[in-house]
Amino acid sequence: MKGVGLIYAIFPLAAGIVLAQRWREAAPGGDDYYTEFETCRTAREVPWHSTPPPNWTNQVGFEKDAFTFARMDEKRAYPLGINIIFYVMTH
């Protein structure tokens, strides 16, 4: 029985190693597939391959404002987040 358990443990590991090496060579574009990321300095500069990233703009009259997202009061946001996490973990 110990031999069968050992086979069940080794087989998935060996299959994973073999398939990982096989699929690595089949990546689209070959070795130069990831070279486009070397010139990027921020996450917004990374080229997208499916859906374009959102282009956030401020409303009229708030063009100079640096914040485009709604501001939340930390005194209320932190306890609310803790309550949500606690609820999700207990239900």
PDB file of N, CA and C in Angstrom:
ATOM      1  N   MET A   1       0.815  -1.202   0.000  1.00  0.00           N
ATOM      2  CA  MET A   1       0.000   0.000   0.000  1.00  0.00           C
ATOM      3  C   MET A   1       0.856   1.263   0.000  1.00  0.00           C
ATOM      4  N   LYS A   2       2.009   1.211   0.650  1.00  0.00           N
ATOM      5  CA  LYS A   2       2.858   2.400   0.677  1.00  0.00           C
ATOM      6  C   LYS A   2       3.406   2.712  -0.714  1.00  0.00           C
ATOM      7  N   GLY A   3       3.652   1.679  -1.506  1.00  0.00           N
ATOM      8  CA  GLY A   3       4.157   1.885  -2.862  1.00  0.00           C
ATOM      9  C   GLY A   3       3.135   2.566  -3.748  1.00  0.00           C
ATOM     10  N   VAL A   4       1.864   2.195  -3.594  1.00  0.00           N
ATOM     11  CA  VAL A   4       0.798   2.812  -4.389  1.00  0.00           C
ATOM     12  C   VAL A   4       0.632   4.281  -3.995  1.00  0.00           C
ATOM     13  N   GLY A   5       0.695   4.569  -2.711  1.00  0.00           N
ATOM     14  CA  GLY A   5       0.593   5.956  -2.251  1.00  0.00           C
ATOM     15  C   GLY A   5       1.746   6.801  -2.759  1.00  0.00           C
ATOM     16  N   LEU A   6       2.932   6.204  -2.817  1.00  0.00           N
ATOM     17  CA  LEU A   6       4.101   6.914  -3.329  1.00  0.00           C
ATOM     18  C   LEU A   6       3.933   7.216  -4.816  1.00  0.00           C
ATOM     19  N   ILE A   7       3.368   6.267  -5.561  1.00  0.00           N
ATOM     20  CA  ILE A   7       3.130   6.494  -6.987  1.00  0.00           C
ATOM     21  C   ILE A   7       2.111   7.621  -7.173  1.00  0.00           C
ATOM     22  N   TYR A   8       1.054   7.614  -6.358  1.00  0.00           N
ATOM     23  CA  TYR A   8       0.047   8.677  -6.446  1.00  0.00           C
ATOM     24  C   TYR A   8       0.635  10.044  -6.094  1.00  0.00           C
ATOM     25  N   ALA A   9       1.656  10.081  -5.282  1.00  0.00           N
ATOM     26  CA  ALA A   9       2.283  11.349  -4.910  1.00  0.00           C
ATOM     27  C   ALA A   9       3.280  11.814  -5.967  1.00  0.00           C
ATOM     28  N   ILE A  10       4.012  10.887  -6.563  1.00  0.00           N
ATOM     29  CA  ILE A  10       5.068  11.254  -7.512  1.00  0.00           C
ATOM     30  C   ILE A  10       4.508  11.545  -8.902  1.00  0.00           C
ATOM     31  N   PHE A  11       3.473  10.825  -9.317  1.00  0.00           N
ATOM     32  CA  PHE A  11       2.939  10.995 -10.670  1.00  0.00           C
ATOM     33  C   PHE A  11       2.488  12.428 -10.968  1.00  0.00           C
ATOM     34  N   PRO A  12       1.695  13.093 -10.117  1.00  0.00           N
ATOM     35  CA  PRO A  12       1.309  14.479 -10.435  1.00  0.00           C
ATOM     36  C   PRO A  12       2.504  15.429 -10.478  1.00  0.00           C
ATOM     37  N   LEU A  13       3.494  15.204  -9.633  1.00  0.00           N
ATOM     38  CA  LEU A  13       4.680  16.063  -9.652  1.00  0.00           C
ATOM     39  C   LEU A  13       5.446  15.907 -10.959  1.00  0.00           C
ATOM     40  N   ALA A  14       5.645  14.665 -11.381  1.00  0.00           N
ATOM     41  CA  ALA A  14       6.369  14.419 -12.629  1.00  0.00           C
ATOM     42  C   ALA A  14       5.590  14.962 -13.824  1.00  0.00           C
ATOM     43  N   ALA A  15       4.279  14.760 -13.836  1.00  0.00           N
ATOM     44  CA  ALA A  15       3.459  15.274 -14.939  1.00  0.00           C
ATOM     45  C   ALA A  15       3.512  16.798 -14.989  1.00  0.00           C
ATOM     46  N   GLY A  16       3.495  17.444 -13.842  1.00  0.00           N
ATOM     47  CA  GLY A  16       3.581  18.901 -13.808  1.00  0.00           C
ATOM     48  C   GLY A  16       4.900  19.417 -14.346  1.00  0.00           C
ATOM     49  N   ILE A  17       5.978  18.755 -14.001  1.00  0.00           N
ATOM     50  CA  ILE A  17       7.296  19.176 -14.484  1.00  0.00           C
ATOM     51  C   ILE A  17       7.395  19.003 -15.990  1.00  0.00           C
ATOM     52  N   VAL A  18       6.932  17.871 -16.488  1.00  0.00           N
ATOM     53  CA  VAL A  18       7.006  17.603 -17.926  1.00  0.00           C
ATOM     54  C   VAL A  18       6.136  18.590 -18.707  1.00  0.00           C
ATOM     55  N   LEU A  19       4.914  18.814 -18.264  1.00  0.00           N
ATOM     56  CA  LEU A  19       4.021  19.718 -18.987  1.00  0.00           C
ATOM     57  C   LEU A  19       4.455  21.173 -18.867  1.00  0.00           C
ATOM     58  N   ALA A  20       5.032  21.551 -17.754  1.00  0.00           N
ATOM     59  CA  ALA A  20       5.493  22.931 -17.592  1.00  0.00           C
ATOM     60  C   ALA A  20       6.610  23.233 -18.577  1.00  0.00           C
ATOM     61  N   GLN A  21       7.520  22.315 -18.753  1.00  0.00           N
ATOM     62  CA  GLN A  21       8.602  22.524 -19.702  1.00  0.00           C
ATOM     63  C   GLN A  21       8.079  22.532 -21.131  1.00  0.00           C
ATOM     64  N   ARG A  22       7.082  21.725 -21.404  1.00  0.00           N
ATOM     65  CA  ARG A  22       6.519  21.654 -22.747  1.00  0.00           C
ATOM     66  C   ARG A  22       5.802  22.946 -23.106  1.00  0.00           C
ATOM     67  N   TRP A  23       4.995  23.484 -22.210  1.00  0.00           N
ATOM     68  CA  TRP A  23       4.218  24.674 -22.513  1.00  0.00           C
ATOM     69  C   TRP A  23       5.066  25.937 -22.499  1.00  0.00           C
ATOM     70  N   ARG A  24       6.191  25.903 -21.838  1.00  0.00           N
ATOM     71  CA  ARG A  24       7.047  27.091 -21.809  1.00  0.00           C
ATOM     72  C   ARG A  24       7.585  27.395 -23.203  1.00  0.00           C
ATOM     73  N   GLU A  25       7.926  26.354 -23.945  1.00  0.00           N
ATOM     74  CA  GLU A  25       8.455  26.547 -25.291  1.00  0.00           C
ATOM     75  C   GLU A  25       7.369  26.963 -26.280  1.00  0.00           C
ATOM     76  N   ALA A  26       6.113  26.691 -25.956  1.00  0.00           N
ATOM     77  CA  ALA A  26       5.023  26.984 -26.881  1.00  0.00           C
ATOM     78  C   ALA A  26       4.410  28.364 -26.648  1.00  0.00           C
ATOM     79  N   ALA A  27       5.063  29.215 -25.873  1.00  0.00           N
ATOM     80  CA  ALA A  27       4.526  30.552 -25.609  1.00  0.00           C
ATOM     81  C   ALA A  27       4.495  31.360 -26.902  1.00  0.00           C
ATOM     82  N   PRO A  28       3.440  32.129 -27.139  1.00  0.00           N
ATOM     83  CA  PRO A  28       3.369  32.907 -28.380  1.00  0.00           C
ATOM     84  C   PRO A  28       4.462  33.963 -28.436  1.00  0.00           C
ATOM     85  N   GLY A  29       5.134  34.031 -29.545  1.00  0.00           N
ATOM     86  CA  GLY A  29       6.172  35.030 -29.720  1.00  0.00           C
ATOM     87  C   GLY A  29       7.559  34.554 -29.352  1.00  0.00           C
ATOM     88  N   GLY A  30       7.681  33.414 -28.726  1.00  0.00           N
ATOM     89  CA  GLY A  30       8.993  32.881 -28.382  1.00  0.00           C
ATOM     90  C   GLY A  30       9.656  33.649 -27.254  1.00  0.00           C
ATOM     91  N   ASP A  31      10.969  33.822 -27.355  1.00  0.00           N
ATOM     92  CA  ASP A  31      11.735  34.456 -26.286  1.00  0.00           C
ATOM     93  C   ASP A  31      11.483  35.957 -26.180  1.00  0.00           C
ATOM     94  N   ASP A  32      11.131  36.602 -27.276  1.00  0.00           N
ATOM     95  CA  ASP A  32      10.938  38.049 -27.233  1.00  0.00           C
ATOM     96  C   ASP A  32       9.511  38.439 -26.850  1.00  0.00           C
ATOM     97  N   TYR A  33       8.738  37.535 -26.309  1.00  0.00           N
ATOM     98  CA  TYR A  33       7.341  37.816 -25.969  1.00  0.00           C
ATOM     99  C   TYR A  33       7.228  38.845 -24.857  1.00  0.00           C
ATOM    100  N   TYR A  34       8.132  38.820 -23.893  1.00  0.00           N
ATOM    101  CA  TYR A  34       8.039  39.714 -22.744  1.00  0.00           C
ATOM    102  C   TYR A  34       8.968  40.921 -22.840  1.00  0.00           C
ATOM    103  N   THR A  35       9.601  41.127 -23.951  1.00  0.00           N
ATOM    104  CA  THR A  35      10.524  42.260 -24.053  1.00  0.00           C
ATOM    105  C   THR A  35       9.799  43.597 -24.052  1.00  0.00           C
ATOM    106  N   GLU A  36       8.524  43.615 -24.399  1.00  0.00           N
ATOM    107  CA  GLU A  36       7.795  44.880 -24.425  1.00  0.00           C
ATOM    108  C   GLU A  36       7.607  45.470 -23.035  1.00  0.00           C
ATOM    109  N   PHE A  37       7.750  44.659 -22.004  1.00  0.00           N
ATOM    110  CA  PHE A  37       7.563  45.143 -20.643  1.00  0.00           C
ATOM    111  C   PHE A  37       8.825  45.805 -20.083  1.00  0.00           C
ATOM    112  N   GLU A  38       9.952  45.623 -20.721  1.00  0.00           N
ATOM    113  CA  GLU A  38      11.199  46.194 -20.210  1.00  0.00           C
ATOM    114  C   GLU A  38      11.223  47.712 -20.321  1.00  0.00           C
ATOM    115  N   THR A  39      10.506  48.272 -21.263  1.00  0.00           N
ATOM    116  CA  THR A  39      10.516  49.724 -21.450  1.00  0.00           C
ATOM    117  C   THR A  39       9.453  50.427 -20.617  1.00  0.00           C
ATOM    118  N   CYS A  40       8.590  49.681 -19.949  1.00  0.00           N
ATOM    119  CA  CYS A  40       7.505  50.273 -19.161  1.00  0.00           C
ATOM    120  C   CYS A  40       8.015  50.697 -17.790  1.00  0.00           C
ATOM    121  N   ARG A  41       7.640  51.904 -17.385  1.00  0.00           N
ATOM    122  CA  ARG A  41       8.019  52.390 -16.064  1.00  0.00           C
ATOM    123  C   ARG A  41       6.890  52.276 -15.061  1.00  0.00           C
ATOM    124  N   THR A  42       5.638  52.362 -15.512  1.00  0.00           N
ATOM    125  CA  THR A  42       4.484  52.260 -14.623  1.00  0.00           C
ATOM    126  C   THR A  42       3.528  51.194 -15.153  1.00  0.00           C
ATOM    127  N   ALA A  43       2.559  50.819 -14.326  1.00  0.00           N
ATOM    128  CA  ALA A  43       1.591  49.805 -14.729  1.00  0.00           C
ATOM    129  C   ALA A  43       0.688  50.302 -15.857  1.00  0.00           C
ATOM    130  N   ARG A  44       0.474  51.598 -15.952  1.00  0.00           N
ATOM    131  CA  ARG A  44      -0.385  52.133 -17.013  1.00  0.00           C
ATOM    132  C   ARG A  44       0.272  52.027 -18.387  1.00  0.00           C
ATOM    133  N   GLU A  45       1.608  51.900 -18.434  1.00  0.00           N
ATOM    134  CA  GLU A  45       2.311  51.823 -19.707  1.00  0.00           C
ATOM    135  C   GLU A  45       2.391  50.406 -20.260  1.00  0.00           C
ATOM    136  N   VAL A  46       2.018  49.420 -19.472  1.00  0.00           N
ATOM    137  CA  VAL A  46       2.077  48.036 -19.937  1.00  0.00           C
ATOM    138  C   VAL A  46       1.051  47.858 -21.049  1.00  0.00           C
ATOM    139  N   PRO A  47       1.458  47.296 -22.188  1.00  0.00           N
ATOM    140  CA  PRO A  47       0.491  47.132 -23.277  1.00  0.00           C
ATOM    141  C   PRO A  47      -0.601  46.149 -22.902  1.00  0.00           C
ATOM    142  N   TRP A  48      -1.817  46.461 -23.262  1.00  0.00           N
ATOM    143  CA  TRP A  48      -2.948  45.594 -22.945  1.00  0.00           C
ATOM    144  C   TRP A  48      -3.241  44.726 -24.152  1.00  0.00           C
ATOM    145  N   HIS A  49      -3.707  43.516 -23.873  1.00  0.00           N
ATOM    146  CA  HIS A  49      -3.948  42.555 -24.942  1.00  0.00           C
ATOM    147  C   HIS A  49      -5.420  42.210 -25.109  1.00  0.00           C
ATOM    148  N   SER A  50      -6.292  42.686 -24.255  1.00  0.00           N
ATOM    149  CA  SER A  50      -7.709  42.367 -24.408  1.00  0.00           C
ATOM    150  C   SER A  50      -8.557  43.628 -24.293  1.00  0.00           C
ATOM    151  N   THR A  51      -8.751  44.129 -23.102  1.00  0.00           N
ATOM    152  CA  THR A  51      -9.595  45.291 -22.874  1.00  0.00           C
ATOM    153  C   THR A  51      -8.724  46.476 -22.491  1.00  0.00           C
ATOM    154  N   PRO A  52      -8.957  47.639 -23.057  1.00  0.00           N
ATOM    155  CA  PRO A  52      -8.125  48.791 -22.693  1.00  0.00           C
ATOM    156  C   PRO A  52      -8.389  49.228 -21.254  1.00  0.00           C
ATOM    157  N   PRO A  53      -7.379  49.774 -20.593  1.00  0.00           N
ATOM    158  CA  PRO A  53      -7.590  50.269 -19.233  1.00  0.00           C
ATOM    159  C   PRO A  53      -8.506  51.490 -19.255  1.00  0.00           C
ATOM    160  N   PRO A  54      -9.250  51.721 -18.187  1.00  0.00           N
ATOM    161  CA  PRO A  54     -10.157  52.870 -18.176  1.00  0.00           C
ATOM    162  C   PRO A  54      -9.390  54.189 -18.173  1.00  0.00           C
ATOM    163  N   ASN A  55      -9.939  55.155 -18.840  1.00  0.00           N
ATOM    164  CA  ASN A  55      -9.351  56.489 -18.889  1.00  0.00           C
ATOM    165  C   ASN A  55     -10.190  57.387 -17.989  1.00  0.00           C
ATOM    166  N   TRP A  56      -9.733  57.552 -16.752  1.00  0.00           N
ATOM    167  CA  TRP A  56     -10.508  58.317 -15.777  1.00  0.00           C
ATOM    168  C   TRP A  56     -10.353  59.802 -16.033  1.00  0.00           C
ATOM    169  N   THR A  57     -11.465  60.502 -16.042  1.00  0.00           N
ATOM    170  CA  THR A  57     -11.447  61.955 -16.177  1.00  0.00           C
ATOM    171  C   THR A  57     -12.336  62.562 -15.101  1.00  0.00           C
ATOM    172  N   ASN A  58     -12.001  63.765 -14.713  1.00  0.00           N
ATOM    173  CA  ASN A  58     -12.805  64.473 -13.722  1.00  0.00           C
ATOM    174  C   ASN A  58     -13.987  65.154 -14.394  1.00  0.00           C
ATOM    175  N   GLN A  59     -14.999  65.450 -13.595  1.00  0.00           N
ATOM    176  CA  GLN A  59     -16.174  66.146 -14.110  1.00  0.00           C
ATOM    177  C   GLN A  59     -15.824  67.597 -14.411  1.00  0.00           C
ATOM    178  N   VAL A  60     -16.699  68.241 -15.150  1.00  0.00           N
ATOM    179  CA  VAL A  60     -16.492  69.640 -15.519  1.00  0.00           C
ATOM    180  C   VAL A  60     -16.415  70.480 -14.249  1.00  0.00           C
ATOM    181  N   GLY A  61     -15.405  71.323 -14.166  1.00  0.00           N
ATOM    182  CA  GLY A  61     -15.200  72.162 -12.993  1.00  0.00           C
ATOM    183  C   GLY A  61     -14.204  71.575 -12.008  1.00  0.00           C
ATOM    184  N   PHE A  62     -13.896  70.301 -12.147  1.00  0.00           N
ATOM    185  CA  PHE A  62     -12.956  69.641 -11.241  1.00  0.00           C
ATOM    186  C   PHE A  62     -11.725  69.131 -11.990  1.00  0.00           C
ATOM    187  N   GLU A  63     -11.386  69.754 -13.115  1.00  0.00           N
ATOM    188  CA  GLU A  63     -10.266  69.293 -13.928  1.00  0.00           C
ATOM    189  C   GLU A  63      -8.934  69.354 -13.185  1.00  0.00           C
ATOM    190  N   LYS A  64      -8.768  70.347 -12.299  1.00  0.00           N
ATOM    191  CA  LYS A  64      -7.501  70.511 -11.590  1.00  0.00           C
ATOM    192  C   LYS A  64      -7.396  69.640 -10.350  1.00  0.00           C
ATOM    193  N   ASP A  65      -8.488  69.029  -9.947  1.00  0.00           N
ATOM    194  CA  ASP A  65      -8.479  68.184  -8.756  1.00  0.00           C
ATOM    195  C   ASP A  65      -7.681  66.915  -9.041  1.00  0.00           C
ATOM    196  N   ALA A  66      -6.810  66.539  -8.130  1.00  0.00           N
ATOM    197  CA  ALA A  66      -5.954  65.371  -8.330  1.00  0.00           C
ATOM    198  C   ALA A  66      -6.665  64.066  -8.014  1.00  0.00           C
ATOM    199  N   PHE A  67      -7.763  64.105  -7.309  1.00  0.00           N
ATOM    200  CA  PHE A  67      -8.453  62.887  -6.891  1.00  0.00           C
ATOM    201  C   PHE A  67      -9.659  62.648  -7.787  1.00  0.00           C
ATOM    202  N   THR A  68      -9.696  61.499  -8.431  1.00  0.00           N
ATOM    203  CA  THR A  68     -10.820  61.164  -9.293  1.00  0.00           C
ATOM    204  C   THR A  68     -11.766  60.178  -8.634  1.00  0.00           C
ATOM    205  N   PHE A  69     -11.360  59.547  -7.560  1.00  0.00           N
ATOM    206  CA  PHE A  69     -12.201  58.578  -6.880  1.00  0.00           C
ATOM    207  C   PHE A  69     -12.852  59.221  -5.660  1.00  0.00           C
ATOM    208  N   ALA A  70     -13.957  58.649  -5.231  1.00  0.00           N
ATOM    209  CA  ALA A  70     -14.670  59.171  -4.069  1.00  0.00           C
ATOM    210  C   ALA A  70     -13.810  59.008  -2.823  1.00  0.00           C
ATOM    211  N   ARG A  71     -13.764  60.036  -2.029  1.00  0.00           N
ATOM    212  CA  ARG A  71     -13.004  59.976  -0.786  1.00  0.00           C
ATOM    213  C   ARG A  71     -13.870  59.379   0.304  1.00  0.00           C
ATOM    214  N   MET A  72     -13.273  58.540   1.138  1.00  0.00           N
ATOM    215  CA  MET A  72     -14.006  57.927   2.243  1.00  0.00           C
ATOM    216  C   MET A  72     -13.388  58.377   3.554  1.00  0.00           C
ATOM    217  N   ASP A  73     -14.217  58.574   4.519  1.00  0.00           N
ATOM    218  CA  ASP A  73     -13.767  58.944   5.846  1.00  0.00           C
ATOM    219  C   ASP A  73     -13.146  57.714   6.502  1.00  0.00           C
ATOM    220  N   GLU A  74     -11.889  57.817   6.928  1.00  0.00           N
ATOM    221  CA  GLU A  74     -11.200  56.667   7.507  1.00  0.00           C
ATOM    222  C   GLU A  74     -11.842  56.202   8.807  1.00  0.00           C
ATOM    223  N   LYS A  75     -12.445  57.113   9.536  1.00  0.00           N
ATOM    224  CA  LYS A  75     -13.073  56.727  10.800  1.00  0.00           C
ATOM    225  C   LYS A  75     -14.256  55.793  10.566  1.00  0.00           C
ATOM    226  N   ARG A  76     -14.926  55.933   9.416  1.00  0.00           N
ATOM    227  CA  ARG A  76     -16.050  55.047   9.110  1.00  0.00           C
ATOM    228  C   ARG A  76     -15.632  53.892   8.213  1.00  0.00           C
ATOM    229  N   ALA A  77     -14.659  54.108   7.344  1.00  0.00           N
ATOM    230  CA  ALA A  77     -14.291  53.082   6.369  1.00  0.00           C
ATOM    231  C   ALA A  77     -13.587  51.899   7.024  1.00  0.00           C
ATOM    232  N   TYR A  78     -12.692  52.140   7.963  1.00  0.00           N
ATOM    233  CA  TYR A  78     -11.950  51.046   8.585  1.00  0.00           C
ATOM    234  C   TYR A  78     -12.865  50.107   9.363  1.00  0.00           C
ATOM    235  N   PRO A  79     -13.727  50.600  10.269  1.00  0.00           N
ATOM    236  CA  PRO A  79     -14.629  49.671  10.964  1.00  0.00           C
ATOM    237  C   PRO A  79     -15.590  48.961  10.012  1.00  0.00           C
ATOM    238  N   LEU A  80     -16.024  49.637   8.961  1.00  0.00           N
ATOM    239  CA  LEU A  80     -16.912  49.001   7.998  1.00  0.00           C
ATOM    240  C   LEU A  80     -16.203  47.845   7.305  1.00  0.00           C
ATOM    241  N   GLY A  81     -14.953  48.052   6.923  1.00  0.00           N
ATOM    242  CA  GLY A  81     -14.187  46.982   6.287  1.00  0.00           C
ATOM    243  C   GLY A  81     -13.975  45.804   7.211  1.00  0.00           C
ATOM    244  N   ILE A  82     -13.674  46.074   8.482  1.00  0.00           N
ATOM    245  CA  ILE A  82     -13.496  45.001   9.459  1.00  0.00           C
ATOM    246  C   ILE A  82     -14.797  44.231   9.633  1.00  0.00           C
ATOM    247  N   ASN A  83     -15.924  44.936   9.695  1.00  0.00           N
ATOM    248  CA  ASN A  83     -17.216  44.268   9.841  1.00  0.00           C
ATOM    249  C   ASN A  83     -17.529  43.389   8.639  1.00  0.00           C
ATOM    250  N   ILE A  84     -17.229  43.859   7.453  1.00  0.00           N
ATOM    251  CA  ILE A  84     -17.489  43.063   6.253  1.00  0.00           C
ATOM    252  C   ILE A  84     -16.617  41.820   6.242  1.00  0.00           C
ATOM    253  N   ILE A  85     -15.339  41.966   6.559  1.00  0.00           N
ATOM    254  CA  ILE A  85     -14.437  40.811   6.588  1.00  0.00           C
ATOM    255  C   ILE A  85     -14.882  39.814   7.645  1.00  0.00           C
ATOM    256  N   PHE A  86     -15.249  40.289   8.821  1.00  0.00           N
ATOM    257  CA  PHE A  86     -15.709  39.396   9.888  1.00  0.00           C
ATOM    258  C   PHE A  86     -16.979  38.660   9.468  1.00  0.00           C
ATOM    259  N   TYR A  87     -17.897  39.364   8.817  1.00  0.00           N
ATOM    260  CA  TYR A  87     -19.143  38.737   8.365  1.00  0.00           C
ATOM    261  C   TYR A  87     -18.861  37.649   7.329  1.00  0.00           C
ATOM    262  N   VAL A  88     -17.990  37.945   6.374  1.00  0.00           N
ATOM    263  CA  VAL A  88     -17.676  36.969   5.327  1.00  0.00           C
ATOM    264  C   VAL A  88     -16.998  35.741   5.917  1.00  0.00           C
ATOM    265  N   MET A  89     -16.138  35.936   6.884  1.00  0.00           N
ATOM    266  CA  MET A  89     -15.418  34.802   7.472  1.00  0.00           C
ATOM    267  C   MET A  89     -16.310  33.940   8.353  1.00  0.00           C
ATOM    268  N   THR A  90     -17.388  34.492   8.892  1.00  0.00           N
ATOM    269  CA  THR A  90     -18.226  33.727   9.814  1.00  0.00           C
ATOM    270  C   THR A  90     -19.492  33.188   9.169  1.00  0.00           C
ATOM    271  N   HIS A  91     -19.775  33.532   7.937  1.00  0.00           N
ATOM    272  CA  HIS A  91     -21.011  33.033   7.313  1.00  0.00           C
ATOM    273  C   HIS A  91     -20.716  32.186   6.112  1.00  0.00           C
TER     274      HIS A  91
END
